């Protein structure tokens, strides 16, 4: 499952994977072992992140269908609305990612969850208040999505800032790994929670359940992450760092001083000279780095189809099984497999060449999409989809952890953060671009009413995804030599 962006990617390989002596099984269970020993402040963040994984991905899988049935949108416009949410969150993080540093983690988390609660409440309550008023429902849906966009733009960076501030060097990697693990576990639960509620109370009933869980998450933040708990945790971490990290702090201060001196030297220069300096030193000025991150857009479209195409496809093309258990196929299988496979594959392939893993991983992720292009009965499509989900999850686990590993390795000293941040820009473009056409393909090949024939749609999507592997292979002589073999 891919949606959360840069901060979740740095946790793709759990802490235990850094120790080659640990077995894949140990790497899977290690986050749970560490969770028991986490501080109370980190517990608050973990519980909140788990609930948000459940709520966010559960809501996302039903949003397009909600817009179809209750807001009166066709598939094209419904997918635009979903892209507005997902791409808006990525953009929002660029503007509000630093808020937690200014107002504090606790305040940022509480404010962000409150904004998401208000946004979700607006979306679902409008259906009961204005039934059939499509114009009003459109604007209330937009307003509700804006609340979630602003809230999540604050929330995710704040959660990872919490790990940075509530953990010392002994537990930081574990903290990031736990967030990623809990997000995937939470994202899998709608596969079981949502179907029975939806069959009895329809989509608004599911959304009201998620609103209640959002309120519960906000309440738990107040109860668990009190001011006193945060103050004691920060004091404990600061005490450890003062004793054990003086050398590192001195080094960091030296780098900050050098950066400040360079900035001061540029301050008196003409603006055009400052602009040219920024352009020359921007990560995208490196043609190999720019080519690498943008050539991955085609395969990343499969991530976007998880919420732009799969829900409607399963609901409409797989008969009664898809109608009743859509969330199981969309929400449960991939995140569960990723939770298990990512640390295991990371351990088994830790000495493999990064570039070769990118080629193999993107190929394994893209090639099973052709399974969905095979003509089959509704029941036959179920087995093809299961095969697709299993194999594509293996591919995702192979290449996604290596993606930002490359960004970190190619970055000049002291500029890792800048390179990793820019590496996520194509993911924002992927959400926008895929959202522009996915609804049109659904209307043509898998409509809400009438016969469905989605095979050509998936064939086109498979060809698009394979383009990433082809470009990586063609560029291997030019680009591949810059990739290092990572040995632990």
Protein backbone atom coordinates (compact mmCIF):
# COMPACT_ATOMS: atom_id res chain seq x y z
CA UNK A 1 0.00 0.00 0.00
CA UNK A 2 1.44 3.32 -1.06
CA UNK A 3 0.00 6.70 -0.25
CA UNK A 4 1.64 8.31 2.71
CA UNK A 5 4.69 9.70 0.94
CA UNK A 6 8.19 10.49 2.03
CA UNK A 7 7.94 10.02 5.75
CA UNK A 8 6.48 6.57 5.50
CA UNK A 9 9.06 5.48 2.97
CA UNK A 10 11.95 5.97 5.35
CA UNK A 11 10.37 3.31 7.51
CA UNK A 12 9.93 0.76 4.74
CA UNK A 13 12.81 -1.31 6.12
CA UNK A 14 12.29 -1.90 9.84
CA UNK A 15 15.02 -1.45 12.36
CA UNK A 16 15.64 -5.13 12.70
CA UNK A 17 16.62 -5.33 9.05
CA UNK A 18 19.76 -3.39 9.86
CA UNK A 19 21.08 -6.45 11.71
CA UNK A 20 21.97 -9.21 9.22
CA UNK A 21 21.87 -11.77 12.04
CA UNK A 22 18.14 -11.36 12.54
CA UNK A 23 15.83 -13.75 10.67
CA UNK A 24 13.00 -12.46 8.47
CA UNK A 25 10.52 -13.83 11.03
CA UNK A 26 12.21 -11.87 13.80
CA UNK A 27 12.07 -8.74 11.66
CA UNK A 28 8.33 -9.15 11.27
CA UNK A 29 7.63 -9.57 14.99
CA UNK A 30 10.28 -7.08 16.16
CA UNK A 31 8.00 -3.99 15.87
CA UNK A 32 5.49 -5.68 18.20
CA UNK A 33 8.20 -6.54 20.72
CA UNK A 34 9.47 -2.96 20.64
CA UNK A 35 5.95 -1.60 20.91
CA UNK A 36 5.57 -3.09 24.38
CA UNK A 37 8.64 -1.18 25.60
CA UNK A 38 7.84 2.15 23.95
CA UNK A 39 7.33 5.29 26.01
CA UNK A 40 3.80 6.42 26.80
CA UNK A 41 4.18 9.41 24.49
CA UNK A 42 5.18 7.16 21.61
CA UNK A 43 2.29 4.83 22.48
CA UNK A 44 -0.08 7.74 21.95
CA UNK A 45 1.37 8.41 18.51
CA UNK A 46 1.31 4.71 17.59
CA UNK A 47 -2.32 4.24 18.61
CA UNK A 48 -3.33 7.40 16.75
CA UNK A 49 -1.42 6.36 13.62
CA UNK A 50 -2.97 2.91 13.70
CA UNK A 51 -6.47 4.38 13.87
CA UNK A 52 -5.72 6.86 11.10
CA UNK A 53 -4.42 4.07 8.87
CA UNK A 54 -7.74 2.29 9.36
CA UNK A 55 -9.86 5.40 8.82
CA UNK A 56 -7.95 6.96 5.95
CA UNK A 57 -7.61 3.92 3.73
CA UNK A 58 -11.10 2.72 4.58
CA UNK A 59 -12.56 6.10 3.64
CA UNK A 60 -10.42 6.34 0.51
CA UNK A 61 -11.63 3.01 -0.91
CA UNK A 62 -15.27 4.14 -0.67
CA UNK A 63 -14.96 7.82 -1.59
CA UNK A 64 -15.41 7.44 -5.37
CA UNK A 65 -18.44 5.16 -4.91
CA UNK A 66 -19.83 7.65 -2.37
CA UNK A 67 -19.46 10.47 -4.92
CA UNK A 68 -21.16 8.31 -7.57
CA UNK A 69 -24.17 7.33 -5.54
CA UNK A 70 -24.79 10.21 -3.13
CA UNK A 71 -23.27 13.29 -4.77
CA UNK A 72 -24.40 12.39 -8.29
CA UNK A 73 -20.97 12.43 -9.95
CA UNK A 74 -19.92 10.28 -12.87
CA UNK A 75 -16.75 8.19 -12.61
CA UNK A 76 -14.56 10.86 -14.16
CA UNK A 77 -15.55 13.55 -11.70
CA UNK A 78 -15.61 11.14 -8.75
CA UNK A 79 -12.00 10.18 -9.44
CA UNK A 80 -11.10 13.84 -9.70
CA UNK A 81 -12.50 14.27 -6.21
CA UNK A 82 -10.40 11.35 -4.92
CA UNK A 83 -7.30 12.83 -6.58
CA UNK A 84 -8.11 16.17 -4.98
CA UNK A 85 -7.90 14.43 -1.62
CA UNK A 86 -4.75 12.35 -2.21
CA UNK A 87 -2.74 14.90 -4.18
CA UNK A 88 -3.93 17.67 -1.88
CA UNK A 89 -2.50 15.84 1.12
CA UNK A 90 0.91 15.58 -0.56
CA UNK A 91 0.83 19.28 -1.44
CA UNK A 92 -0.42 20.21 2.01
CA UNK A 93 2.55 18.48 3.65
CA UNK A 94 4.91 20.69 1.65
CA UNK A 95 3.33 23.81 3.17
CA UNK A 96 2.45 22.61 6.67
CA UNK A 97 5.11 19.98 7.32
CA UNK A 98 7.07 22.31 9.57
CA UNK A 99 4.16 23.38 11.80
CA UNK A 100 4.95 20.72 14.41
CA UNK A 101 8.42 22.19 14.84
CA UNK A 102 6.89 25.58 15.61
CA UNK A 103 3.90 24.78 17.84
CA UNK A 104 5.03 21.43 19.27
CA UNK A 105 4.15 17.85 18.42
CA UNK A 106 1.26 17.48 20.86
CA UNK A 107 -0.55 20.60 19.67
CA UNK A 108 0.06 19.71 16.03
CA UNK A 109 -1.34 16.20 16.44
CA UNK A 110 -4.44 17.38 18.30
CA UNK A 111 -5.10 20.21 15.83
CA UNK A 112 -4.64 17.92 12.82
CA UNK A 113 -6.98 15.20 14.10
CA UNK A 114 -9.55 17.86 14.99
CA UNK A 115 -9.43 19.25 11.42
CA UNK A 116 -9.86 15.75 9.99
CA UNK A 117 -12.78 15.09 12.34
CA UNK A 118 -14.53 18.28 11.19
CA UNK A 119 -13.87 17.51 7.52
CA UNK A 120 -15.21 13.96 7.75
CA UNK A 121 -18.19 15.08 9.77
CA UNK A 122 -19.10 17.69 7.13
CA UNK A 123 -18.88 15.12 4.32
CA UNK A 124 -21.10 12.45 5.86
CA UNK A 125 -23.60 14.63 7.72
CA UNK A 126 -24.49 16.57 4.56
CA UNK A 127 -26.01 13.41 3.03
CA UNK A 128 -28.64 13.30 5.77
CA UNK A 129 -29.15 17.07 5.90
CA UNK A 130 -29.43 17.68 2.14
CA UNK A 131 -30.62 14.42 0.52
CA UNK A 132 -30.77 14.70 -3.25
CA UNK A 133 -29.36 18.25 -3.33
CA UNK A 134 -26.43 17.41 -5.58
CA UNK A 135 -25.11 20.96 -5.86
CA UNK A 136 -25.02 21.40 -2.09
CA UNK A 137 -23.56 17.94 -1.57
CA UNK A 138 -20.79 18.70 -4.06
CA UNK A 139 -19.65 21.76 -2.15
CA UNK A 140 -19.97 20.12 1.26
CA UNK A 141 -17.86 17.23 -0.05
CA UNK A 142 -15.23 19.68 -1.30
CA UNK A 143 -15.29 21.49 2.04
CA UNK A 144 -14.99 18.23 3.94
CA UNK A 145 -12.08 17.08 1.82
CA UNK A 146 -10.34 20.40 2.44
CA UNK A 147 -10.56 19.76 6.18
CA UNK A 148 -8.99 16.32 5.76
CA UNK A 149 -6.32 17.69 3.41
CA UNK A 150 -5.29 20.40 5.86
CA UNK A 151 -5.45 18.00 8.80
CA UNK A 152 -3.41 15.26 7.17
CA UNK A 153 -0.90 17.80 5.90
CA UNK A 154 -0.24 18.58 9.56
CA UNK A 155 -0.72 15.08 10.92
CA UNK A 156 1.73 12.89 9.07
CA UNK A 157 4.78 15.16 9.43
CA UNK A 158 3.83 15.68 13.09
CA UNK A 159 3.73 11.91 13.68
CA UNK A 160 7.23 11.45 12.30
CA UNK A 161 8.46 14.51 14.13
CA UNK A 162 7.14 12.83 17.27
CA UNK A 163 9.32 9.78 16.59
CA UNK A 164 12.32 12.04 16.12
CA UNK A 165 11.64 13.91 19.35
CA UNK A 166 10.32 11.08 21.54
CA UNK A 167 13.08 8.60 20.62
CA UNK A 168 16.83 8.63 21.07
CA UNK A 169 19.33 7.01 18.72
CA UNK A 170 18.70 3.58 20.27
CA UNK A 171 14.98 3.55 19.50
CA UNK A 172 14.47 5.92 16.56
CA UNK A 173 14.68 3.30 13.80
CA UNK A 174 12.30 1.10 15.78
CA UNK A 175 9.92 4.03 16.12
CA UNK A 176 9.78 4.65 12.37
CA UNK A 177 9.35 0.94 11.71
CA UNK A 178 6.45 0.72 14.16
CA UNK A 179 4.62 3.59 12.48
CA UNK A 180 4.90 1.91 9.10
CA UNK A 181 3.83 -1.47 10.49
CA UNK A 182 0.86 -0.03 12.38
CA UNK A 183 -0.25 2.03 9.38
CA UNK A 184 -0.38 -1.13 7.26
CA UNK A 185 -2.19 -3.10 9.95
CA UNK A 186 -4.71 -0.31 10.35
CA UNK A 187 -5.15 -0.04 6.58
CA UNK A 188 -5.96 -3.74 6.39
CA UNK A 189 -8.79 -3.70 8.95
CA UNK A 190 -11.45 -2.05 6.73
CA UNK A 191 -11.41 -5.28 4.76
CA UNK A 192 -13.27 -6.85 7.68
CA UNK A 193 -14.94 -3.88 9.37
CA UNK A 194 -16.46 -2.14 6.38
CA UNK A 195 -18.40 -4.85 4.46
CA UNK A 196 -20.96 -5.82 7.14
CA UNK A 197 -21.59 -2.18 8.06
CA UNK A 198 -21.93 -1.16 4.40
CA UNK A 199 -24.35 -3.99 3.62
CA UNK A 200 -26.59 -2.94 6.53
CA UNK A 201 -26.29 0.88 6.59
CA UNK A 202 -24.69 1.62 3.22
CA UNK A 203 -21.61 3.81 2.69
CA UNK A 204 -22.75 6.65 5.01
CA UNK A 205 -22.98 4.09 7.81
CA UNK A 206 -19.34 3.16 7.26
CA UNK A 207 -18.35 6.82 7.15
CA UNK A 208 -20.15 7.51 10.41
CA UNK A 209 -18.19 4.65 11.96
CA UNK A 210 -14.96 6.27 10.79
CA UNK A 211 -16.09 9.63 12.16
CA UNK A 212 -16.62 7.96 15.54
CA UNK A 213 -13.15 6.39 15.37
CA UNK A 214 -11.65 9.79 14.50
CA UNK A 215 -13.30 11.24 17.60
CA UNK A 216 -11.97 8.31 19.64
CA UNK A 217 -8.47 8.98 18.30
CA UNK A 218 -8.72 12.63 19.31
CA UNK A 219 -9.92 11.67 22.79
CA UNK A 220 -7.06 9.19 23.23
CA UNK A 221 -4.52 11.85 22.31
CA UNK A 222 -5.86 14.05 25.11
CA UNK A 223 -5.87 11.16 27.58
CA UNK A 224 -2.53 9.49 26.76
CA UNK A 225 -0.40 12.32 25.40
CA UNK A 226 -0.82 14.82 28.22
CA UNK A 227 1.43 17.83 28.63
CA UNK A 228 3.15 16.15 31.55
CA UNK A 229 3.82 12.94 29.59
CA UNK A 230 5.27 14.91 26.69
CA UNK A 231 7.42 17.04 29.00
CA UNK A 232 8.83 13.99 30.82
CA UNK A 233 9.54 12.16 27.55
CA UNK A 234 11.35 15.12 26.01
CA UNK A 235 13.39 15.56 29.18
CA UNK A 236 14.42 11.88 29.18
CA UNK A 237 15.45 11.97 25.53
CA UNK A 238 17.34 15.22 26.01
CA UNK A 239 19.18 13.74 28.98
CA UNK A 240 20.30 10.73 26.96
CA UNK A 241 21.42 12.85 24.05
CA UNK A 242 23.34 15.21 26.30
CA UNK A 243 25.41 12.31 27.62
CA UNK A 244 25.78 10.16 24.54
CA UNK A 245 25.49 12.40 21.51
CA UNK A 246 27.80 15.34 22.23
CA UNK A 247 30.08 14.48 19.34
CA UNK A 248 27.15 14.21 16.95
CA UNK A 249 25.73 17.50 18.23
CA UNK A 250 29.06 19.24 17.68
CA UNK A 251 29.17 17.91 14.13
CA UNK A 252 25.61 19.04 13.45
CA UNK A 253 26.37 22.49 14.82
CA UNK A 254 29.43 22.76 12.58
CA UNK A 255 27.32 21.91 9.53
CA UNK A 256 24.71 24.46 10.59
CA UNK A 257 27.40 27.10 11.01
CA UNK A 258 28.81 26.35 7.56
CA UNK A 259 25.34 26.56 6.00
CA UNK A 260 24.66 29.85 7.78
CA UNK A 261 27.99 31.26 6.58
CA UNK A 262 27.22 30.26 3.00
CA UNK A 263 23.76 31.80 3.24
CA UNK A 264 25.21 35.00 4.65
CA UNK A 265 27.75 35.18 1.83
CA UNK A 266 24.96 34.92 -0.73
CA UNK A 267 22.74 37.45 1.01
CA UNK A 268 24.62 40.42 -0.39
CA UNK A 269 24.71 39.10 -3.95
CA UNK A 270 22.31 40.21 -6.72
CA UNK A 271 19.05 38.24 -6.81
CA UNK A 272 19.85 36.70 -10.18
CA UNK A 273 23.09 35.28 -8.78
CA UNK A 274 21.23 33.82 -5.80
CA UNK A 275 18.62 32.33 -8.12
CA UNK A 276 21.29 30.78 -10.32
CA UNK A 277 22.99 29.30 -7.27
CA UNK A 278 19.69 27.71 -6.19
CA UNK A 279 19.07 26.29 -9.66
CA UNK A 280 22.59 24.86 -9.99
CA UNK A 281 22.36 23.16 -6.62
CA UNK A 282 18.79 21.90 -6.90
CA UNK A 283 18.50 18.07 -6.94
CA UNK A 284 16.64 18.20 -10.27
CA UNK A 285 19.69 19.84 -11.83
CA UNK A 286 21.26 16.39 -11.67
CA UNK A 287 19.99 14.79 -14.93
CA UNK A 288 20.49 11.20 -13.73
CA UNK A 289 18.61 11.79 -10.51
CA UNK A 290 15.80 13.59 -12.34
CA UNK A 291 15.48 10.83 -14.95
CA UNK A 292 15.44 8.14 -12.30
CA UNK A 293 12.64 9.57 -10.17
CA UNK A 294 10.45 10.57 -13.11
CA UNK A 295 10.82 7.27 -14.97
CA UNK A 296 9.09 5.60 -12.01
CA UNK A 297 5.83 7.50 -12.58
CA UNK A 298 4.37 4.79 -14.90
CA UNK A 299 4.71 1.98 -12.37
CA UNK A 300 3.52 4.24 -9.56
CA UNK A 301 0.21 4.67 -11.38
CA UNK A 302 -0.67 1.20 -10.06
CA UNK A 303 -0.61 2.64 -6.54
CA UNK A 304 -3.09 5.32 -7.57
CA UNK A 305 -5.37 2.73 -9.18
CA UNK A 306 -5.70 1.08 -5.76
CA UNK A 307 -8.23 3.77 -4.87
CA UNK A 308 -9.12 5.28 -8.27
CA UNK A 309 -10.00 2.06 -10.11
CA UNK A 310 -9.93 -1.09 -7.96
CA UNK A 311 -12.97 -0.29 -5.75
CA UNK A 312 -15.28 0.29 -8.72
CA UNK A 313 -13.76 -2.61 -10.67
CA UNK A 314 -14.28 -5.10 -7.84
CA UNK A 315 -17.75 -3.76 -7.03
CA UNK A 316 -18.97 -3.89 -10.62
CA UNK A 317 -17.06 -6.69 -12.38
CA UNK A 318 -17.01 -9.52 -9.81
CA UNK A 319 -20.65 -10.23 -9.21
CA UNK A 320 -22.11 -10.66 -5.75
CA UNK A 321 -18.77 -11.57 -4.17
CA UNK A 322 -17.23 -8.27 -5.27
CA UNK A 323 -20.35 -6.38 -4.25
CA UNK A 324 -20.37 -7.82 -0.74
CA UNK A 325 -16.64 -8.07 0.00
CA UNK A 326 -15.07 -5.30 -2.08
CA UNK A 327 -13.10 -3.87 0.86
CA UNK A 328 -11.43 -7.23 1.53
CA UNK A 329 -9.84 -7.22 -1.90
CA UNK A 330 -9.04 -3.49 -1.93
CA UNK A 331 -7.94 -2.92 1.67
CA UNK A 332 -6.80 -6.16 3.29
CA UNK A 333 -4.61 -8.21 0.95
CA UNK A 334 -1.96 -5.72 -0.17
CA UNK A 335 -1.17 -4.00 3.16
CA UNK A 336 -1.05 -7.34 4.96
CA UNK A 337 1.37 -8.77 2.41
CA UNK A 338 3.50 -5.62 2.41
CA UNK A 339 3.73 -5.74 6.20
CA UNK A 340 5.07 -9.29 6.00
CA UNK A 341 7.09 -9.16 2.78
CA UNK A 342 8.95 -5.85 3.09
CA UNK A 343 11.24 -6.74 6.01
CA UNK A 344 11.67 -10.30 4.75
CA UNK A 345 12.70 -9.29 1.24
CA UNK A 346 14.88 -6.48 2.62
CA UNK A 347 16.79 -9.04 4.69
CA UNK A 348 17.18 -11.49 1.82
CA UNK A 349 18.30 -8.88 -0.72
CA UNK A 350 20.28 -6.46 1.44
CA UNK A 351 23.52 -7.11 -0.52
CA UNK A 352 21.94 -6.91 -3.95
CA UNK A 353 22.71 -4.08 -6.32
CA UNK A 354 20.13 -1.32 -5.85
CA UNK A 355 19.61 -0.67 -9.56
CA UNK A 356 19.10 -4.33 -10.38
CA UNK A 357 16.55 -4.56 -7.56
CA UNK A 358 14.73 -1.56 -9.03
CA UNK A 359 14.52 -3.25 -12.43
CA UNK A 360 13.40 -6.59 -10.99
CA UNK A 361 10.95 -5.01 -8.53
CA UNK A 362 9.21 -2.75 -11.03
CA UNK A 363 8.93 -5.68 -13.46
CA UNK A 364 7.43 -8.01 -10.84
CA UNK A 365 5.03 -5.27 -9.77
CA UNK A 366 3.89 -4.37 -13.30
CA UNK A 367 3.72 -7.72 -15.09
CA UNK A 368 0.80 -9.26 -13.12
CA UNK A 369 -1.43 -6.40 -14.29
CA UNK A 370 -1.70 -8.33 -17.55
CA UNK A 371 -3.60 -11.00 -15.59
CA UNK A 372 -6.50 -8.58 -15.25
CA UNK A 373 -6.57 -8.16 -19.04
CA UNK A 374 -7.55 -11.83 -19.50
CA UNK A 375 -11.20 -12.30 -20.43
CA UNK A 376 -12.98 -14.18 -17.65
CA UNK A 377 -16.30 -14.63 -15.87
CA UNK A 378 -17.00 -12.61 -12.70
CA UNK A 379 -15.85 -15.56 -10.57
CA UNK A 380 -12.79 -16.04 -12.75
CA UNK A 381 -11.86 -12.39 -12.28
CA UNK A 382 -11.68 -13.00 -8.52
CA UNK A 383 -8.84 -15.50 -8.96
CA UNK A 384 -7.06 -13.29 -11.45
CA UNK A 385 -7.30 -10.37 -9.04
CA UNK A 386 -5.92 -12.47 -6.18
CA UNK A 387 -2.96 -13.45 -8.36
CA UNK A 388 -2.41 -9.83 -9.32
CA UNK A 389 -2.52 -8.59 -5.72
CA UNK A 390 -0.10 -11.23 -4.44
CA UNK A 391 2.52 -10.84 -7.19
CA UNK A 392 2.35 -7.06 -7.40
CA UNK A 393 2.80 -6.84 -3.61
CA UNK A 394 6.01 -8.86 -3.93
CA UNK A 395 7.24 -6.40 -6.55
CA UNK A 396 6.35 -3.42 -4.40
CA UNK A 397 8.27 -4.89 -1.47
CA UNK A 398 11.29 -5.41 -3.75
CA UNK A 399 11.68 -1.90 -5.14
CA UNK A 400 9.98 0.61 -2.86
CA UNK A 401 12.55 0.39 -0.01
CA UNK A 402 15.35 0.78 -2.56
CA UNK A 403 13.86 3.90 -4.09
CA UNK A 404 14.76 6.32 -1.30
CA UNK A 405 17.89 4.32 -0.55
CA UNK A 406 19.13 5.53 -3.92
CA UNK A 407 17.98 9.07 -3.22
CA UNK A 408 19.94 9.01 0.04
CA UNK A 409 23.06 7.49 -1.52
CA UNK A 410 23.28 9.79 -4.53
CA UNK A 411 22.74 12.95 -2.46
CA UNK A 412 25.81 15.12 -1.73
CA UNK A 413 26.86 15.28 1.90
CA UNK A 414 24.46 17.33 3.97
CA UNK A 415 21.72 17.36 1.31
CA UNK A 416 20.03 14.00 1.86
CA UNK A 417 16.79 15.56 3.07
CA UNK A 418 16.51 17.80 0.01
CA UNK A 419 17.02 14.89 -2.37
CA UNK A 420 14.55 12.66 -0.53
CA UNK A 421 11.98 15.43 -0.51
CA UNK A 422 12.29 16.11 -4.24
CA UNK A 423 12.12 12.35 -4.90
CA UNK A 424 8.48 12.49 -3.78
CA UNK A 425 7.44 15.17 -6.29
CA UNK A 426 6.75 12.62 -9.06
CA UNK A 427 4.43 10.82 -6.62
CA UNK A 428 2.38 14.00 -6.41
CA UNK A 429 2.29 14.20 -10.22
CA UNK A 430 1.27 10.53 -10.40
CA UNK A 431 -1.78 11.16 -8.23
CA UNK A 432 -2.84 14.13 -10.34
CA UNK A 433 -2.18 12.58 -13.75
CA UNK A 434 -3.76 9.21 -12.98
CA UNK A 435 -6.82 10.89 -11.52
CA UNK A 436 -7.36 12.82 -14.75
CA UNK A 437 -7.99 9.72 -16.88
CA UNK A 438 -8.89 6.81 -14.56
CA UNK A 439 -12.55 7.79 -14.34
CA UNK A 440 -12.88 8.02 -18.11
CA UNK A 441 -11.58 4.47 -18.50
CA UNK A 442 -14.07 3.25 -15.90
CA UNK A 443 -16.96 4.91 -17.71
CA UNK A 444 -15.89 3.30 -20.98
CA UNK A 445 -14.83 -0.19 -19.86
CA UNK A 446 -16.38 -0.76 -16.42
CA UNK A 447 -19.46 1.48 -16.12
CA UNK A 448 -21.86 1.57 -13.19
CA UNK A 449 -24.72 0.56 -15.50
CA UNK A 450 -24.54 -1.76 -18.47
CA UNK A 451 -22.11 -4.51 -19.51
CA UNK A 452 -18.55 -4.36 -18.22
CA UNK A 453 -15.53 -5.35 -20.29
CA UNK A 454 -12.50 -4.14 -18.30
CA UNK A 455 -9.85 -6.28 -20.03
CA UNK A 456 -8.64 -3.57 -22.41
CA UNK A 457 -8.50 -1.03 -19.56
CA UNK A 458 -6.14 -3.25 -17.57
CA UNK A 459 -4.09 -4.09 -20.66
CA UNK A 460 -3.45 -0.38 -21.21
CA UNK A 461 -2.61 0.11 -17.54
CA UNK A 462 -0.20 -2.84 -17.66
CA UNK A 463 1.61 -1.39 -20.67
CA UNK A 464 1.90 1.96 -18.90
CA UNK A 465 3.35 0.35 -15.77
CA UNK A 466 5.86 -1.72 -17.77
CA UNK A 467 7.28 1.48 -19.26
CA UNK A 468 9.21 2.09 -16.02
CA UNK A 469 11.02 -1.25 -16.27
CA UNK A 470 11.80 -0.67 -19.95
CA UNK A 471 13.26 2.78 -19.25
CA UNK A 472 15.35 1.48 -16.37
CA UNK A 473 16.76 -1.29 -18.58
CA UNK A 474 17.54 1.10 -21.44
CA UNK A 475 19.26 3.55 -19.07
CA UNK A 476 21.29 0.94 -17.21
CA UNK A 477 24.57 1.68 -18.97
CA UNK A 478 24.21 5.41 -18.28
CA UNK A 479 22.53 5.36 -14.88
CA UNK A 480 23.16 1.96 -13.32
CA UNK A 481 26.87 2.45 -12.72
CA UNK A 482 26.11 5.14 -10.14
CA UNK A 483 24.25 2.69 -7.91
CA UNK A 484 26.18 1.16 -5.08
CA UNK A 485 25.80 -2.32 -3.68
CA UNK A 486 24.63 -1.75 -0.13
CA UNK A 487 26.39 -4.07 2.31
CA UNK A 488 25.33 -3.99 5.92
